[in-house]
C-alpha atoms as a PDB file:
ATOM      1  CA  MET A   1      -1.124  20.087  -4.892  1.00  0.00           C
ATOM      2  CA  ALA A   2       0.674  17.246  -3.378  1.00  0.00           C
ATOM      3  CA  ILE A   3      -0.297  15.786  -0.090  1.00  0.00           C
ATOM      4  CA  TRP A   4       3.092  14.566   0.967  1.00  0.00           C
ATOM      5  CA  PHE A   5       5.158  16.189   3.626  1.00  0.00           C
ATOM      6  CA  ASP A   6       8.130  16.605   1.222  1.00  0.00           C
ATOM      7  CA  PRO A   7       6.409  17.614  -1.963  1.00  0.00           C
ATOM      8  CA  ALA A   8       9.562  16.726  -3.847  1.00  0.00           C
ATOM      9  CA  VAL A   9       9.478  13.099  -2.827  1.00  0.00           C
ATOM     10  CA  LYS A  10      10.286  10.770  -5.873  1.00  0.00           C
ATOM     11  CA  ILE A  11       9.599   7.079  -6.368  1.00  0.00           C
ATOM     12  CA  GLU A  12      13.367   6.383  -5.942  1.00  0.00           C
ATOM     13  CA  HIS A  13      13.152   7.726  -2.377  1.00  0.00           C
ATOM     14  CA  ILE A  14      10.426   5.162  -1.347  1.00  0.00           C
ATOM     15  CA  ARG A  15      11.675   2.070  -3.053  1.00  0.00           C
ATOM     16  CA  PRO A  16      14.177   1.352  -0.284  1.00  0.00           C
ATOM     17  CA  LEU A  17      11.407   1.538   2.403  1.00  0.00           C
ATOM     18  CA  GLY A  18      10.404  -1.970   1.280  1.00  0.00           C
ATOM     19  CA  ASN A  19      13.899  -3.498   1.652  1.00  0.00           C
ATOM     20  CA  ASN A  20      13.985  -6.451   4.075  1.00  0.00           C
ATOM     21  CA  THR A  21      10.199  -6.351   4.720  1.00  0.00           C
ATOM     22  CA  MET A  22       7.300  -8.728   4.012  1.00  0.00           C
ATOM     23  CA  GLY A  23       6.612  -6.677   0.939  1.00  0.00           C
ATOM     24  CA  ASP A  24      10.144  -7.450  -0.278  1.00  0.00           C
ATOM     25  CA  HIS A  25       9.597 -10.999   0.363  1.00  0.00           C
ATOM     26  CA  LEU A  26       6.611 -10.896  -1.708  1.00  0.00           C
ATOM     27  CA  GLY A  27       8.087  -9.113  -4.519  1.00  0.00           C
ATOM     28  CA  ILE A  28       6.218  -5.911  -3.968  1.00  0.00           C
ATOM     29  CA  VAL A  29       7.812  -2.945  -5.920  1.00  0.00           C
ATOM     30  CA  PHE A  30       6.752   0.656  -5.746  1.00  0.00           C
ATOM     31  CA  THR A  31       6.331   1.944  -9.324  1.00  0.00           C
ATOM     32  CA  GLU A  32       4.738   5.325  -9.284  1.00  0.00           C
ATOM     33  CA  ILE A  33       3.931   8.345  -7.045  1.00  0.00           C
ATOM     34  CA  GLY A  34       1.697  11.223  -7.869  1.00  0.00           C
ATOM     35  CA  GLU A  35       0.396  14.281  -6.050  1.00  0.00           C
ATOM     36  CA  ASP A  36      -2.087  12.120  -3.943  1.00  0.00           C
ATOM     37  CA  TYR A  37      -1.429   8.445  -4.766  1.00  0.00           C
ATOM     38  CA  ILE A  38       1.135   5.731  -4.841  1.00  0.00           C
ATOM     39  CA  LYS A  39       1.299   2.584  -7.151  1.00  0.00           C
ATOM     40  CA  ALA A  40       2.941  -0.704  -6.404  1.00  0.00           C
ATOM     41  CA  ARG A  41       3.055  -4.031  -8.164  1.00  0.00           C
ATOM     42  CA  MET A  42       3.204  -7.574  -6.916  1.00  0.00           C
ATOM     43  CA  PRO A  43       3.744 -10.781  -8.711  1.00  0.00           C
ATOM     44  CA  VAL A  44       1.187 -13.595  -8.535  1.00  0.00           C
ATOM     45  CA  ASP A  45       3.697 -16.535  -8.135  1.00  0.00           C
ATOM     46  CA  PRO A  46       4.237 -19.310  -5.684  1.00  0.00           C
ATOM     47  CA  ARG A  47       4.904 -16.615  -2.852  1.00  0.00           C
ATOM     48  CA  THR A  48       1.770 -15.095  -3.229  1.00  0.00           C
ATOM     49  CA  LYS A  49      -0.891 -17.884  -4.122  1.00  0.00           C
ATOM     50  CA  GLN A  50      -3.144 -20.068  -2.092  1.00  0.00           C
ATOM     51  CA  PRO A  51      -3.379 -23.804  -2.598  1.00  0.00           C
ATOM     52  CA  TYR A  52      -5.994 -23.550  -5.318  1.00  0.00           C
ATOM     53  CA  GLY A  53      -3.425 -21.584  -7.464  1.00  0.00           C
ATOM     54  CA  LEU A  54      -5.211 -18.188  -7.058  1.00  0.00           C
ATOM     55  CA  LEU A  55      -3.708 -14.882  -5.562  1.00  0.00           C
ATOM     56  CA  HIS A  56      -3.880 -15.497  -1.750  1.00  0.00           C
ATOM     57  CA  GLY A  57      -6.140 -12.779  -0.031  1.00  0.00           C
ATOM     58  CA  GLY A  58      -3.547 -12.365   2.575  1.00  0.00           C
ATOM     59  CA  ALA A  59      -1.061 -11.231  -0.107  1.00  0.00           C
ATOM     60  CA  SER A  60      -3.627  -8.653  -1.433  1.00  0.00           C
ATOM     61  CA  ALA A  61      -3.934  -7.400   2.073  1.00  0.00           C
ATOM     62  CA  THR A  62      -0.222  -7.122   2.542  1.00  0.00           C
ATOM     63  CA  LEU A  63      -0.030  -5.124  -0.720  1.00  0.00           C
ATOM     64  CA  ALA A  64      -2.902  -2.915   0.649  1.00  0.00           C
ATOM     65  CA  GLU A  65      -1.390  -2.356   4.052  1.00  0.00           C
ATOM     66  CA  THR A  66       2.182  -1.706   2.571  1.00  0.00           C
ATOM     67  CA  LEU A  67       0.825   0.904   0.186  1.00  0.00           C
ATOM     68  CA  GLY A  68      -1.408   2.669   2.800  1.00  0.00           C
ATOM     69  CA  SER A  69       1.259   2.532   5.663  1.00  0.00           C
ATOM     70  CA  VAL A  70       3.917   4.092   3.214  1.00  0.00           C
ATOM     71  CA  ALA A  71       1.374   6.773   2.016  1.00  0.00           C
ATOM     72  CA  SER A  72       0.775   7.785   5.719  1.00  0.00           C
ATOM     73  CA  ALA A  73       4.480   7.871   6.485  1.00  0.00           C
ATOM     74  CA  LEU A  74       4.980  10.181   3.692  1.00  0.00           C
ATOM     75  CA  VAL A  75       2.174  12.663   4.853  1.00  0.00           C
ATOM     76  CA  VAL A  76       3.588  13.182   8.366  1.00  0.00           C
ATOM     77  CA  ASP A  77       6.952  14.765   9.625  1.00  0.00           C
ATOM     78  CA  HIS A  78       8.932  11.854  10.801  1.00  0.00           C
ATOM     79  CA  SER A  79      10.917  13.870  13.358  1.00  0.00           C
ATOM     80  CA  LYS A  80       7.579  14.333  15.152  1.00  0.00           C
ATOM     81  CA  PHE A  81       5.334  11.451  14.439  1.00  0.00           C
ATOM     82  CA  ASN A  82       5.024   7.539  13.746  1.00  0.00           C
ATOM     83  CA  VAL A  83       2.368   5.889  11.869  1.00  0.00           C
ATOM     84  CA  VAL A  84       0.829   2.507  12.666  1.00  0.00           C
ATOM     85  CA  GLY A  85      -2.024   0.639  10.934  1.00  0.00           C
ATOM     86  CA  ILE A  86      -5.060  -0.042  13.257  1.00  0.00           C
ATOM     87  CA  GLU A  87      -7.632  -1.546  10.959  1.00  0.00           C
ATOM     88  CA  ILE A  88      -7.716  -3.006   7.421  1.00  0.00           C
ATOM     89  CA  ASN A  89     -10.349  -4.640   5.388  1.00  0.00           C
ATOM     90  CA  ALA A  90     -10.463  -6.215   1.969  1.00  0.00           C
ATOM     91  CA  ASN A  91     -13.164  -7.375  -0.431  1.00  0.00           C
ATOM     92  CA  HIS A  92     -11.762  -9.839  -2.896  1.00  0.00           C
ATOM     93  CA  LEU A  93     -13.737  -9.590  -6.083  1.00  0.00           C
ATOM     94  CA  ARG A  94     -11.910 -11.525  -8.741  1.00  0.00           C
ATOM     95  CA  GLY A  95      -9.351 -14.260  -8.853  1.00  0.00           C
ATOM     96  CA  VAL A  96      -5.904 -13.918 -10.507  1.00  0.00           C
ATOM     97  CA  ARG A  97      -3.708 -16.986 -11.437  1.00  0.00           C
ATOM     98  CA  GLU A  98      -0.617 -15.480 -12.934  1.00  0.00           C
ATOM     99  CA  GLY A  99       1.131 -12.280 -13.905  1.00  0.00           C
ATOM    100  CA  PHE A 100       1.158  -9.148 -11.731  1.00  0.00           C
ATOM    101  CA  VAL A 101      -1.384  -7.178  -9.719  1.00  0.00           C
ATOM    102  CA  THR A 102      -0.959  -3.420  -9.226  1.00  0.00           C
ATOM    103  CA  GLY A 103      -2.277  -1.588  -6.188  1.00  0.00           C
ATOM    104  CA  VAL A 104      -3.194   2.140  -6.096  1.00  0.00           C
ATOM    105  CA  VAL A 105      -3.553   4.103  -2.805  1.00  0.00           C
ATOM    106  CA  LYS A 106      -5.400   7.296  -2.388  1.00  0.00           C
ATOM    107  CA  PRO A 107      -6.487   9.162   0.807  1.00  0.00           C
ATOM    108  CA  LEU A 108     -10.085   9.276   2.018  1.00  0.00           C
ATOM    109  CA  HIS A 109      -9.045  11.283   5.058  1.00  0.00           C
ATOM    110  CA  THR A 110      -5.686  12.629   6.369  1.00  0.00           C
ATOM    111  CA  GLY A 111      -6.507  14.147   9.659  1.00  0.00           C
ATOM    112  CA  ARG A 112      -4.117  15.030  12.475  1.00  0.00           C
ATOM    113  CA  THR A 113      -4.640  11.600  14.328  1.00  0.00           C
ATOM    114  CA  ILE A 114      -6.178   9.317  11.819  1.00  0.00           C
ATOM    115  CA  HIS A 115      -5.560   8.560   8.187  1.00  0.00           C
ATOM    116  CA  VAL A 116      -8.009   6.651   6.217  1.00  0.00           C
ATOM    117  CA  TRP A 117      -6.736   5.087   2.724  1.00  0.00           C
ATOM    118  CA  GLU A 118      -8.542   3.432  -0.152  1.00  0.00           C
ATOM    119  CA  ILE A 119      -6.481   0.803  -1.997  1.00  0.00           C
ATOM    120  CA  LYS A 120      -7.710  -0.631  -5.319  1.00  0.00           C
ATOM    121  CA  ILE A 121      -5.759  -3.600  -6.686  1.00  0.00           C
ATOM    122  CA  TYR A 122      -6.056  -4.460 -10.405  1.00  0.00           C
ATOM    123  CA  ASP A 123      -4.905  -7.367 -12.652  1.00  0.00           C
ATOM    124  CA  GLU A 124      -2.941  -6.761 -15.866  1.00  0.00           C
ATOM    125  CA  ARG A 125      -6.298  -6.369 -17.599  1.00  0.00           C
ATOM    126  CA  GLU A 126      -7.140  -3.372 -15.305  1.00  0.00           C
ATOM    127  CA  LYS A 127     -10.003  -5.383 -13.913  1.00  0.00           C
ATOM    128  CA  LEU A 128     -10.531  -4.650 -10.131  1.00  0.00           C
ATOM    129  CA  VAL A 129      -9.489  -7.673  -8.116  1.00  0.00           C
ATOM    130  CA  CYS A 130      -9.620  -6.338  -4.522  1.00  0.00           C
ATOM    131  CA  ILE A 131     -10.739  -3.037  -2.890  1.00  0.00           C
ATOM    132  CA  SER A 132      -9.396  -2.379   0.632  1.00  0.00           C
ATOM    133  CA  ARG A 133      -9.544   0.332   3.253  1.00  0.00           C
ATOM    134  CA  LEU A 134      -6.689   0.805   5.781  1.00  0.00           C
ATOM    135  CA  THR A 135      -7.095   3.076   8.936  1.00  0.00           C
ATOM    136  CA  VAL A 136      -3.747   4.509  10.307  1.00  0.00           C
ATOM    137  CA  SER A 137      -3.240   6.001  13.741  1.00  0.00           C
ATOM    138  CA  ILE A 138      -0.688   9.093  13.880  1.00  0.00           C
ATOM    139  CA  ILE A 139       1.250   8.821  17.108  1.00  0.00           C
ATOM    140  CA  ALA A 140       3.363  11.742  18.524  1.00  0.00           C
ATOM    141  CA  LYS A 141       6.970  10.594  19.239  1.00  0.00           C
ATOM    142  CA  GLN A 142       8.103  11.109  22.809  1.00  0.00           C
ATOM    143  CA  LEU A 143      10.712  13.649  22.863  1.00  0.00           C
END
């Protein structure tokens, strides 16, 4: 059973959420949505590398926060709630020098006021590059 507020949501519906954002600047593209996960990919290129030529940890954290924030946004009723990230951590496990990385977000907890998401980032060989956790606060809109 889908966890999304609108169970009919399609990848085409969420792609525009990245327009004119940091994710857009870094080349993040949403690629797949399932019943309880979203995937996005990001290039490893001059926009996302650190001076040693490796994928920058901040770019990985941006991919993770982008995925988790969009996932939370898709779980709630936007006419009643906003979502804001309040904590993120990331363990960088393997360096990547080129190609693309793919992030996959899945829920650990989707409560009434707090969501916690696990984001795993893989290289093109499907080796785990980074594992991240994002906590999101669900805030009622003032009517």
